[in-house]
Amino acid sequence: MARALDQAIRRLEEAMAMLTQKQAWFLAHAASMDRLFAELQRINAVRFARIEAILLEHSRILAEHTHILSDHGRILQALTDAVLERIGFKMPEQAGASS
């Protein structure tokens, strides 16, 4: 009976030792993962800030181009009107609007 109890205690001690080793590995791995996650968060914050800056610049350029296209549309319409007036042709609604 004592021998069976000694074997059971020995197996229990081995299991506890293995559990302690596994816990140590897990904690080391968890700490490593925490460091990696923090580094990825830092990298992503920098990347997202850069992407946001690029998007803001593109939005500014798009607004500027929209304004330029609007100006060009007005210029082309004025040019068309000037050419038609120069050759002596006016649309009926234009004649009434300019009087």
PDB file of N, CA and C in Angstrom:
ATOM      1  N   MET A   1       0.818  -1.187   0.000  1.00  0.00           N
ATOM      2  CA  MET A   1       0.000   0.000   0.000  1.00  0.00           C
ATOM      3  C   MET A   1       0.866   1.257   0.000  1.00  0.00           C
ATOM      4  N   ALA A   2       1.932   1.246   0.805  1.00  0.00           N
ATOM      5  CA  ALA A   2       2.822   2.399   0.887  1.00  0.00           C
ATOM      6  C   ALA A   2       3.516   2.627  -0.452  1.00  0.00           C
ATOM      7  N   ARG A   3       3.831   1.534  -1.115  1.00  0.00           N
ATOM      8  CA  ARG A   3       4.489   1.648  -2.414  1.00  0.00           C
ATOM      9  C   ARG A   3       3.572   2.290  -3.444  1.00  0.00           C
ATOM     10  N   ALA A   4       2.305   1.923  -3.490  1.00  0.00           N
ATOM     11  CA  ALA A   4       1.330   2.518  -4.401  1.00  0.00           C
ATOM     12  C   ALA A   4       1.147   4.003  -4.082  1.00  0.00           C
ATOM     13  N   LEU A   5       1.139   4.316  -2.793  1.00  0.00           N
ATOM     14  CA  LEU A   5       0.999   5.710  -2.392  1.00  0.00           C
ATOM     15  C   LEU A   5       2.230   6.514  -2.809  1.00  0.00           C
ATOM     16  N   ASP A   6       3.422   5.909  -2.656  1.00  0.00           N
ATOM     17  CA  ASP A   6       4.654   6.595  -3.075  1.00  0.00           C
ATOM     18  C   ASP A   6       4.642   6.854  -4.584  1.00  0.00           C
ATOM     19  N   GLN A   7       4.177   5.877  -5.381  1.00  0.00           N
ATOM     20  CA  GLN A   7       4.109   6.053  -6.837  1.00  0.00           C
ATOM     21  C   GLN A   7       3.108   7.147  -7.207  1.00  0.00           C
ATOM     22  N   ALA A   8       1.987   7.151  -6.524  1.00  0.00           N
ATOM     23  CA  ALA A   8       0.973   8.175  -6.788  1.00  0.00           C
ATOM     24  C   ALA A   8       1.515   9.559  -6.457  1.00  0.00           C
ATOM     25  N   ILE A   9       2.231   9.662  -5.341  1.00  0.00           N
ATOM     26  CA  ILE A   9       2.820  10.947  -4.957  1.00  0.00           C
ATOM     27  C   ILE A   9       3.870  11.372  -5.981  1.00  0.00           C
ATOM     28  N   ARG A  10       4.684  10.425  -6.431  1.00  0.00           N
ATOM     29  CA  ARG A  10       5.723  10.722  -7.415  1.00  0.00           C
ATOM     30  C   ARG A  10       5.085  11.209  -8.729  1.00  0.00           C
ATOM     31  N   ARG A  11       4.012  10.525  -9.181  1.00  0.00           N
ATOM     32  CA  ARG A  11       3.317  10.953 -10.407  1.00  0.00           C
ATOM     33  C   ARG A  11       2.707  12.345 -10.221  1.00  0.00           C
ATOM     34  N   LEU A  12       2.167  12.584  -9.056  1.00  0.00           N
ATOM     35  CA  LEU A  12       1.599  13.893  -8.757  1.00  0.00           C
ATOM     36  C   LEU A  12       2.678  14.973  -8.778  1.00  0.00           C
ATOM     37  N   GLU A  13       3.823  14.672  -8.187  1.00  0.00           N
ATOM     38  CA  GLU A  13       4.928  15.635  -8.187  1.00  0.00           C
ATOM     39  C   GLU A  13       5.427  15.895  -9.607  1.00  0.00           C
ATOM     40  N   GLU A  14       5.511  14.834 -10.426  1.00  0.00           N
ATOM     41  CA  GLU A  14       5.935  15.003 -11.824  1.00  0.00           C
ATOM     42  C   GLU A  14       4.918  15.857 -12.592  1.00  0.00           C
ATOM     43  N   ALA A  15       3.649  15.591 -12.351  1.00  0.00           N
ATOM     44  CA  ALA A  15       2.603  16.370 -13.014  1.00  0.00           C
ATOM     45  C   ALA A  15       2.665  17.838 -12.582  1.00  0.00           C
ATOM     46  N   MET A  16       2.921  18.061 -11.305  1.00  0.00           N
ATOM     47  CA  MET A  16       3.019  19.437 -10.812  1.00  0.00           C
ATOM     48  C   MET A  16       4.242  20.141 -11.405  1.00  0.00           C
ATOM     49  N   ALA A  17       5.344  19.403 -11.521  1.00  0.00           N
ATOM     50  CA  ALA A  17       6.554  19.970 -12.117  1.00  0.00           C
ATOM     51  C   ALA A  17       6.293  20.320 -13.586  1.00  0.00           C
ATOM     52  N   MET A  18       5.618  19.433 -14.301  1.00  0.00           N
ATOM     53  CA  MET A  18       5.294  19.695 -15.701  1.00  0.00           C
ATOM     54  C   MET A  18       4.356  20.902 -15.805  1.00  0.00           C
ATOM     55  N   LEU A  19       3.382  20.976 -14.920  1.00  0.00           N
ATOM     56  CA  LEU A  19       2.459  22.116 -14.906  1.00  0.00           C
ATOM     57  C   LEU A  19       3.217  23.424 -14.662  1.00  0.00           C
ATOM     58  N   THR A  20       4.181  23.395 -13.746  1.00  0.00           N
ATOM     59  CA  THR A  20       4.975  24.587 -13.455  1.00  0.00           C
ATOM     60  C   THR A  20       5.782  24.996 -14.685  1.00  0.00           C
ATOM     61  N   GLN A  21       6.363  24.018 -15.379  1.00  0.00           N
ATOM     62  CA  GLN A  21       7.118  24.310 -16.604  1.00  0.00           C
ATOM     63  C   GLN A  21       6.202  24.897 -17.674  1.00  0.00           C
ATOM     64  N   LYS A  22       5.028  24.315 -17.838  1.00  0.00           N
ATOM     65  CA  LYS A  22       4.071  24.794 -18.846  1.00  0.00           C
ATOM     66  C   LYS A  22       3.599  26.210 -18.502  1.00  0.00           C
ATOM     67  N   GLN A  23       3.370  26.474 -17.223  1.00  0.00           N
ATOM     68  CA  GLN A  23       2.954  27.816 -16.818  1.00  0.00           C
ATOM     69  C   GLN A  23       4.054  28.838 -17.114  1.00  0.00           C
ATOM     70  N   ALA A  24       5.304  28.462 -16.828  1.00  0.00           N
ATOM     71  CA  ALA A  24       6.427  29.363 -17.089  1.00  0.00           C
ATOM     72  C   ALA A  24       6.527  29.654 -18.592  1.00  0.00           C
ATOM     73  N   TRP A  25       6.402  28.606 -19.411  1.00  0.00           N
ATOM     74  CA  TRP A  25       6.439  28.795 -20.864  1.00  0.00           C
ATOM     75  C   TRP A  25       5.293  29.691 -21.311  1.00  0.00           C
ATOM     76  N   PHE A  26       4.092  29.445 -20.790  1.00  0.00           N
ATOM     77  CA  PHE A  26       2.923  30.224 -21.161  1.00  0.00           C
ATOM     78  C   PHE A  26       3.106  31.702 -20.806  1.00  0.00           C
ATOM     79  N   LEU A  27       3.602  31.975 -19.593  1.00  0.00           N
ATOM     80  CA  LEU A  27       3.805  33.363 -19.172  1.00  0.00           C
ATOM     81  C   LEU A  27       4.860  34.053 -20.030  1.00  0.00           C
ATOM     82  N   ALA A  28       5.929  33.346 -20.353  1.00  0.00           N
ATOM     83  CA  ALA A  28       6.964  33.924 -21.215  1.00  0.00           C
ATOM     84  C   ALA A  28       6.390  34.198 -22.602  1.00  0.00           C
ATOM     85  N   HIS A  29       5.632  33.259 -23.123  1.00  0.00           N
ATOM     86  CA  HIS A  29       5.020  33.417 -24.443  1.00  0.00           C
ATOM     87  C   HIS A  29       3.999  34.566 -24.416  1.00  0.00           C
ATOM     88  N   ALA A  30       3.214  34.664 -23.374  1.00  0.00           N
ATOM     89  CA  ALA A  30       2.216  35.733 -23.249  1.00  0.00           C
ATOM     90  C   ALA A  30       2.910  37.096 -23.200  1.00  0.00           C
ATOM     91  N   ALA A  31       3.991  37.199 -22.471  1.00  0.00           N
ATOM     92  CA  ALA A  31       4.734  38.459 -22.402  1.00  0.00           C
ATOM     93  C   ALA A  31       5.291  38.827 -23.766  1.00  0.00           C
ATOM     94  N   SER A  32       5.806  37.825 -24.480  1.00  0.00           N
ATOM     95  CA  SER A  32       6.325  38.049 -25.826  1.00  0.00           C
ATOM     96  C   SER A  32       5.213  38.523 -26.759  1.00  0.00           C
ATOM     97  N   MET A  33       4.058  37.910 -26.662  1.00  0.00           N
ATOM     98  CA  MET A  33       2.920  38.304 -27.482  1.00  0.00           C
ATOM     99  C   MET A  33       2.449  39.714 -27.130  1.00  0.00           C
ATOM    100  N   ASP A  34       2.483  40.068 -25.858  1.00  0.00           N
ATOM    101  CA  ASP A  34       2.110  41.425 -25.438  1.00  0.00           C
ATOM    102  C   ASP A  34       3.052  42.458 -26.063  1.00  0.00           C
ATOM    103  N   ARG A  35       4.354  42.162 -26.064  1.00  0.00           N
ATOM    104  CA  ARG A  35       5.319  43.079 -26.664  1.00  0.00           C
ATOM    105  C   ARG A  35       5.080  43.204 -28.167  1.00  0.00           C
ATOM    106  N   LEU A  36       4.835  42.073 -28.811  1.00  0.00           N
ATOM    107  CA  LEU A  36       4.576  42.072 -30.250  1.00  0.00           C
ATOM    108  C   LEU A  36       3.307  42.858 -30.561  1.00  0.00           C
ATOM    109  N   PHE A  37       2.258  42.656 -29.787  1.00  0.00           N
ATOM    110  CA  PHE A  37       1.000  43.358 -29.999  1.00  0.00           C
ATOM    111  C   PHE A  37       1.188  44.861 -29.815  1.00  0.00           C
ATOM    112  N   ALA A  38       1.935  45.278 -28.804  1.00  0.00           N
ATOM    113  CA  ALA A  38       2.197  46.699 -28.573  1.00  0.00           C
ATOM    114  C   ALA A  38       2.971  47.306 -29.743  1.00  0.00           C
ATOM    115  N   GLU A  39       3.947  46.570 -30.269  1.00  0.00           N
ATOM    116  CA  GLU A  39       4.721  47.054 -31.413  1.00  0.00           C
ATOM    117  C   GLU A  39       3.835  47.164 -32.656  1.00  0.00           C
ATOM    118  N   LEU A  40       2.974  46.191 -32.876  1.00  0.00           N
ATOM    119  CA  LEU A  40       2.059  46.256 -34.021  1.00  0.00           C
ATOM    120  C   LEU A  40       1.092  47.429 -33.890  1.00  0.00           C
ATOM    121  N   GLN A  41       0.627  47.692 -32.682  1.00  0.00           N
ATOM    122  CA  GLN A  41      -0.252  48.844 -32.468  1.00  0.00           C
ATOM    123  C   GLN A  41       0.477  50.146 -32.781  1.00  0.00           C
ATOM    124  N   ARG A  42       1.725  50.249 -32.370  1.00  0.00           N
ATOM    125  CA  ARG A  42       2.510  51.443 -32.646  1.00  0.00           C
ATOM    126  C   ARG A  42       2.712  51.621 -34.150  1.00  0.00           C
ATOM    127  N   ILE A  43       3.085  50.537 -34.815  1.00  0.00           N
ATOM    128  CA  ILE A  43       3.302  50.588 -36.269  1.00  0.00           C
ATOM    129  C   ILE A  43       2.008  50.981 -36.979  1.00  0.00           C
ATOM    130  N   ASN A  44       0.900  50.374 -36.582  1.00  0.00           N
ATOM    131  CA  ASN A  44      -0.378  50.685 -37.226  1.00  0.00           C
ATOM    132  C   ASN A  44      -0.809  52.115 -36.970  1.00  0.00           C
ATOM    133  N   ALA A  45      -0.545  52.634 -35.786  1.00  0.00           N
ATOM    134  CA  ALA A  45      -0.897  54.033 -35.492  1.00  0.00           C
ATOM    135  C   ALA A  45      -0.134  54.964 -36.424  1.00  0.00           C
ATOM    136  N   VAL A  46       1.143  54.679 -36.644  1.00  0.00           N
ATOM    137  CA  VAL A  46       1.954  55.496 -37.552  1.00  0.00           C
ATOM    138  C   VAL A  46       1.422  55.370 -38.980  1.00  0.00           C
ATOM    139  N   ARG A  47       1.132  54.144 -39.392  1.00  0.00           N
ATOM    140  CA  ARG A  47       0.618  53.928 -40.754  1.00  0.00           C
ATOM    141  C   ARG A  47      -0.715  54.625 -40.959  1.00  0.00           C
ATOM    142  N   PHE A  48      -1.627  54.493 -39.996  1.00  0.00           N
ATOM    143  CA  PHE A  48      -2.939  55.118 -40.133  1.00  0.00           C
ATOM    144  C   PHE A  48      -2.825  56.637 -40.156  1.00  0.00           C
ATOM    145  N   ALA A  49      -1.929  57.186 -39.351  1.00  0.00           N
ATOM    146  CA  ALA A  49      -1.728  58.639 -39.361  1.00  0.00           C
ATOM    147  C   ALA A  49      -1.228  59.091 -40.733  1.00  0.00           C
ATOM    148  N   ARG A  50      -0.315  58.323 -41.316  1.00  0.00           N
ATOM    149  CA  ARG A  50       0.211  58.651 -42.643  1.00  0.00           C
ATOM    150  C   ARG A  50      -0.891  58.538 -43.702  1.00  0.00           C
ATOM    151  N   ILE A  51      -1.708  57.493 -43.610  1.00  0.00           N
ATOM    152  CA  ILE A  51      -2.802  57.307 -44.555  1.00  0.00           C
ATOM    153  C   ILE A  51      -3.820  58.439 -44.428  1.00  0.00           C
ATOM    154  N   GLU A  52      -4.138  58.831 -43.202  1.00  0.00           N
ATOM    155  CA  GLU A  52      -5.078  59.932 -42.996  1.00  0.00           C
ATOM    156  C   GLU A  52      -4.531  61.228 -43.577  1.00  0.00           C
ATOM    157  N   ALA A  53      -3.247  61.475 -43.420  1.00  0.00           N
ATOM    158  CA  ALA A  53      -2.638  62.681 -43.989  1.00  0.00           C
ATOM    159  C   ALA A  53      -2.734  62.654 -45.512  1.00  0.00           C
ATOM    160  N   ILE A  54      -2.474  61.503 -46.100  1.00  0.00           N
ATOM    161  CA  ILE A  54      -2.574  61.361 -47.561  1.00  0.00           C
ATOM    162  C   ILE A  54      -4.012  61.594 -48.013  1.00  0.00           C
ATOM    163  N   LEU A  55      -4.980  61.024 -47.294  1.00  0.00           N
ATOM    164  CA  LEU A  55      -6.377  61.205 -47.664  1.00  0.00           C
ATOM    165  C   LEU A  55      -6.802  62.669 -47.546  1.00  0.00           C
ATOM    166  N   LEU A  56      -6.343  63.356 -46.511  1.00  0.00           N
ATOM    167  CA  LEU A  56      -6.654  64.779 -46.378  1.00  0.00           C
ATOM    168  C   LEU A  56      -6.074  65.578 -47.545  1.00  0.00           C
ATOM    169  N   GLU A  57      -4.846  65.269 -47.919  1.00  0.00           N
ATOM    170  CA  GLU A  57      -4.221  65.952 -49.049  1.00  0.00           C
ATOM    171  C   GLU A  57      -4.984  65.659 -50.341  1.00  0.00           C
ATOM    172  N   HIS A  58      -5.379  64.418 -50.540  1.00  0.00           N
ATOM    173  CA  HIS A  58      -6.146  64.064 -51.737  1.00  0.00           C
ATOM    174  C   HIS A  58      -7.500  64.765 -51.747  1.00  0.00           C
ATOM    175  N   SER A  59      -8.129  64.879 -50.586  1.00  0.00           N
ATOM    176  CA  SER A  59      -9.402  65.593 -50.502  1.00  0.00           C
ATOM    177  C   SER A  59      -9.214  67.067 -50.849  1.00  0.00           C
ATOM    178  N   ARG A  60      -8.125  67.651 -50.371  1.00  0.00           N
ATOM    179  CA  ARG A  60      -7.836  69.048 -50.695  1.00  0.00           C
ATOM    180  C   ARG A  60      -7.618  69.221 -52.194  1.00  0.00           C
ATOM    181  N   ILE A  61      -6.847  68.324 -52.784  1.00  0.00           N
ATOM    182  CA  ILE A  61      -6.580  68.384 -54.225  1.00  0.00           C
ATOM    183  C   ILE A  61      -7.875  68.192 -55.010  1.00  0.00           C
ATOM    184  N   LEU A  62      -8.703  67.249 -54.578  1.00  0.00           N
ATOM    185  CA  LEU A  62      -9.973  67.008 -55.264  1.00  0.00           C
ATOM    186  C   LEU A  62     -10.869  68.242 -55.197  1.00  0.00           C
ATOM    187  N   ALA A  63     -10.927  68.893 -54.047  1.00  0.00           N
ATOM    188  CA  ALA A  63     -11.732  70.117 -53.914  1.00  0.00           C
ATOM    189  C   ALA A  63     -11.179  71.212 -54.825  1.00  0.00           C
ATOM    190  N   GLU A  64      -9.862  71.325 -54.875  1.00  0.00           N
ATOM    191  CA  GLU A  64      -9.230  72.321 -55.746  1.00  0.00           C
ATOM    192  C   GLU A  64      -9.553  72.038 -57.212  1.00  0.00           C
ATOM    193  N   HIS A  65      -9.460  70.781 -57.607  1.00  0.00           N
ATOM    194  CA  HIS A  65      -9.754  70.408 -58.997  1.00  0.00           C
ATOM    195  C   HIS A  65     -11.224  70.624 -59.320  1.00  0.00           C
ATOM    196  N   THR A  66     -12.096  70.360 -58.369  1.00  0.00           N
ATOM    197  CA  THR A  66     -13.525  70.606 -58.569  1.00  0.00           C
ATOM    198  C   THR A  66     -13.760  72.091 -58.823  1.00  0.00           C
ATOM    199  N   HIS A  67     -13.093  72.936 -58.048  1.00  0.00           N
ATOM    200  CA  HIS A  67     -13.216  74.383 -58.226  1.00  0.00           C
ATOM    201  C   HIS A  67     -12.680  74.795 -59.603  1.00  0.00           C
ATOM    202  N   ILE A  68     -11.529  74.263 -59.986  1.00  0.00           N
ATOM    203  CA  ILE A  68     -10.927  74.580 -61.288  1.00  0.00           C
ATOM    204  C   ILE A  68     -11.851  74.146 -62.423  1.00  0.00           C
ATOM    205  N   LEU A  69     -12.417  72.944 -62.321  1.00  0.00           N
ATOM    206  CA  LEU A  69     -13.329  72.464 -63.365  1.00  0.00           C
ATOM    207  C   LEU A  69     -14.568  73.341 -63.454  1.00  0.00           C
ATOM    208  N   SER A  70     -15.060  73.784 -62.333  1.00  0.00           N
ATOM    209  CA  SER A  70     -16.209  74.686 -62.329  1.00  0.00           C
ATOM    210  C   SER A  70     -15.855  75.994 -63.027  1.00  0.00           C
ATOM    211  N   ASP A  71     -14.675  76.543 -62.707  1.00  0.00           N
ATOM    212  CA  ASP A  71     -14.218  77.764 -63.377  1.00  0.00           C
ATOM    213  C   ASP A  71     -14.077  77.545 -64.880  1.00  0.00           C
ATOM    214  N   HIS A  72     -13.516  76.428 -65.259  1.00  0.00           N
ATOM    215  CA  HIS A  72     -13.346  76.133 -66.686  1.00  0.00           C
ATOM    216  C   HIS A  72     -14.694  76.005 -67.378  1.00  0.00           C
ATOM    217  N   GLY A  73     -15.659  75.420 -66.705  1.00  0.00           N
ATOM    218  CA  GLY A  73     -17.004  75.315 -67.277  1.00  0.00           C
ATOM    219  C   GLY A  73     -17.590  76.697 -67.538  1.00  0.00           C
ATOM    220  N   ARG A  74     -17.434  77.595 -66.573  1.00  0.00           N
ATOM    221  CA  ARG A  74     -17.924  78.966 -66.755  1.00  0.00           C
ATOM    222  C   ARG A  74     -17.162  79.670 -67.884  1.00  0.00           C
ATOM    223  N   ILE A  75     -15.847  79.473 -67.931  1.00  0.00           N
ATOM    224  CA  ILE A  75     -15.027  80.087 -68.983  1.00  0.00           C
ATOM    225  C   ILE A  75     -15.455  79.571 -70.354  1.00  0.00           C
ATOM    226  N   LEU A  76     -15.652  78.260 -70.481  1.00  0.00           N
ATOM    227  CA  LEU A  76     -16.066  77.690 -71.766  1.00  0.00           C
ATOM    228  C   LEU A  76     -17.437  78.197 -72.181  1.00  0.00           C
ATOM    229  N   GLN A  77     -18.337  78.328 -71.228  1.00  0.00           N
ATOM    230  CA  GLN A  77     -19.667  78.852 -71.558  1.00  0.00           C
ATOM    231  C   GLN A  77     -19.569  80.302 -72.005  1.00  0.00           C
ATOM    232  N   ALA A  78     -18.755  81.098 -71.294  1.00  0.00           N
ATOM    233  CA  ALA A  78     -18.567  82.498 -71.676  1.00  0.00           C
ATOM    234  C   ALA A  78     -17.912  82.596 -73.049  1.00  0.00           C
ATOM    235  N   LEU A  79     -16.963  81.724 -73.333  1.00  0.00           N
ATOM    236  CA  LEU A  79     -16.299  81.708 -74.633  1.00  0.00           C
ATOM    237  C   LEU A  79     -17.293  81.367 -75.736  1.00  0.00           C
ATOM    238  N   THR A  80     -18.115  80.354 -75.469  1.00  0.00           N
ATOM    239  CA  THR A  80     -19.135  79.968 -76.444  1.00  0.00           C
ATOM    240  C   THR A  80     -20.069  81.150 -76.711  1.00  0.00           C
ATOM    241  N   ASP A  81     -20.520  81.797 -75.644  1.00  0.00           N
ATOM    242  CA  ASP A  81     -21.403  82.956 -75.797  1.00  0.00           C
ATOM    243  C   ASP A  81     -20.711  84.070 -76.567  1.00  0.00           C
ATOM    244  N   ALA A  82     -19.438  84.339 -76.282  1.00  0.00           N
ATOM    245  CA  ALA A  82     -18.692  85.401 -76.956  1.00  0.00           C
ATOM    246  C   ALA A  82     -18.529  85.089 -78.437  1.00  0.00           C
ATOM    247  N   VAL A  83     -18.222  83.838 -78.756  1.00  0.00           N
ATOM    248  CA  VAL A  83     -18.067  83.446 -80.169  1.00  0.00           C
ATOM    249  C   VAL A  83     -19.391  83.598 -80.894  1.00  0.00           C
ATOM    250  N   LEU A  84     -20.477  83.133 -80.286  1.00  0.00           N
ATOM    251  CA  LEU A  84     -21.782  83.253 -80.924  1.00  0.00           C
ATOM    252  C   LEU A  84     -22.162  84.722 -81.130  1.00  0.00           C
ATOM    253  N   GLU A  85     -21.857  85.543 -80.132  1.00  0.00           N
ATOM    254  CA  GLU A  85     -22.158  86.970 -80.252  1.00  0.00           C
ATOM    255  C   GLU A  85     -21.290  87.609 -81.338  1.00  0.00           C
ATOM    256  N   ARG A  86     -20.061  87.191 -81.403  1.00  0.00           N
ATOM    257  CA  ARG A  86     -19.107  87.768 -82.372  1.00  0.00           C
ATOM    258  C   ARG A  86     -19.521  87.460 -83.805  1.00  0.00           C
ATOM    259  N   ILE A  87     -20.051  86.250 -84.007  1.00  0.00           N
ATOM    260  CA  ILE A  87     -20.470  85.913 -85.378  1.00  0.00           C
ATOM    261  C   ILE A  87     -21.905  86.362 -85.651  1.00  0.00           C
ATOM    262  N   GLY A  88     -22.529  86.990 -84.673  1.00  0.00           N
ATOM    263  CA  GLY A  88     -23.848  87.561 -84.878  1.00  0.00           C
ATOM    264  C   GLY A  88     -24.995  86.605 -84.636  1.00  0.00           C
ATOM    265  N   PHE A  89     -24.757  85.552 -83.860  1.00  0.00           N
ATOM    266  CA  PHE A  89     -25.824  84.599 -83.574  1.00  0.00           C
ATOM    267  C   PHE A  89     -26.065  84.574 -82.077  1.00  0.00           C
ATOM    268  N   LYS A  90     -27.310  84.871 -81.676  1.00  0.00           N
ATOM    269  CA  LYS A  90     -27.680  84.808 -80.264  1.00  0.00           C
ATOM    270  C   LYS A  90     -28.889  83.914 -80.138  1.00  0.00           C
ATOM    271  N   MET A  91     -28.893  83.112 -79.090  1.00  0.00           N
ATOM    272  CA  MET A  91     -30.050  82.278 -78.797  1.00  0.00           C
ATOM    273  C   MET A  91     -31.151  83.193 -78.271  1.00  0.00           C
ATOM    274  N   PRO A  92     -32.438  82.883 -78.518  1.00  0.00           N
ATOM    275  CA  PRO A  92     -33.518  83.764 -78.065  1.00  0.00           C
ATOM    276  C   PRO A  92     -33.480  84.016 -76.560  1.00  0.00           C
ATOM    277  N   GLU A  93     -33.223  83.005 -75.726  1.00  0.00           N
ATOM    278  CA  GLU A  93     -33.202  83.236 -74.285  1.00  0.00           C
ATOM    279  C   GLU A  93     -32.004  84.081 -73.877  1.00  0.00           C
ATOM    280  N   GLN A  94     -30.911  84.036 -74.645  1.00  0.00           N
ATOM    281  CA  GLN A  94     -29.744  84.869 -74.347  1.00  0.00           C
ATOM    282  C   GLN A  94     -30.039  86.312 -74.688  1.00  0.00           C
ATOM    283  N   ALA A  95     -30.766  86.548 -75.770  1.00  0.00           N
ATOM    284  CA  ALA A  95     -31.074  87.915 -76.164  1.00  0.00           C
ATOM    285  C   ALA A  95     -31.941  88.584 -75.095  1.00  0.00           C
ATOM    286  N   GLY A  96     -32.915  87.857 -74.558  1.00  0.00           N
ATOM    287  CA  GLY A  96     -33.765  88.407 -73.517  1.00  0.00           C
ATOM    288  C   GLY A  96     -33.019  88.609 -72.215  1.00  0.00           C
ATOM    289  N   ALA A  97     -32.055  87.750 -71.900  1.00  0.00           N
ATOM    290  CA  ALA A  97     -31.320  87.830 -70.642  1.00  0.00           C
ATOM    291  C   ALA A  97     -30.329  88.976 -70.646  1.00  0.00           C
ATOM    292  N   SER A  98     -29.777  89.343 -71.826  1.00  0.00           N
ATOM    293  CA  SER A  98     -28.769  90.395 -71.876  1.00  0.00           C
ATOM    294  C   SER A  98     -29.389  91.781 -71.971  1.00  0.00           C
ATOM    295  N   SER A  99     -30.691  91.892 -72.265  1.00  0.00           N
ATOM    296  CA  SER A  99     -31.350  93.204 -72.378  1.00  0.00           C
ATOM    297  C   SER A  99     -31.667  93.807 -71.053  1.00  0.00           C
TER     298      SER A  99
END
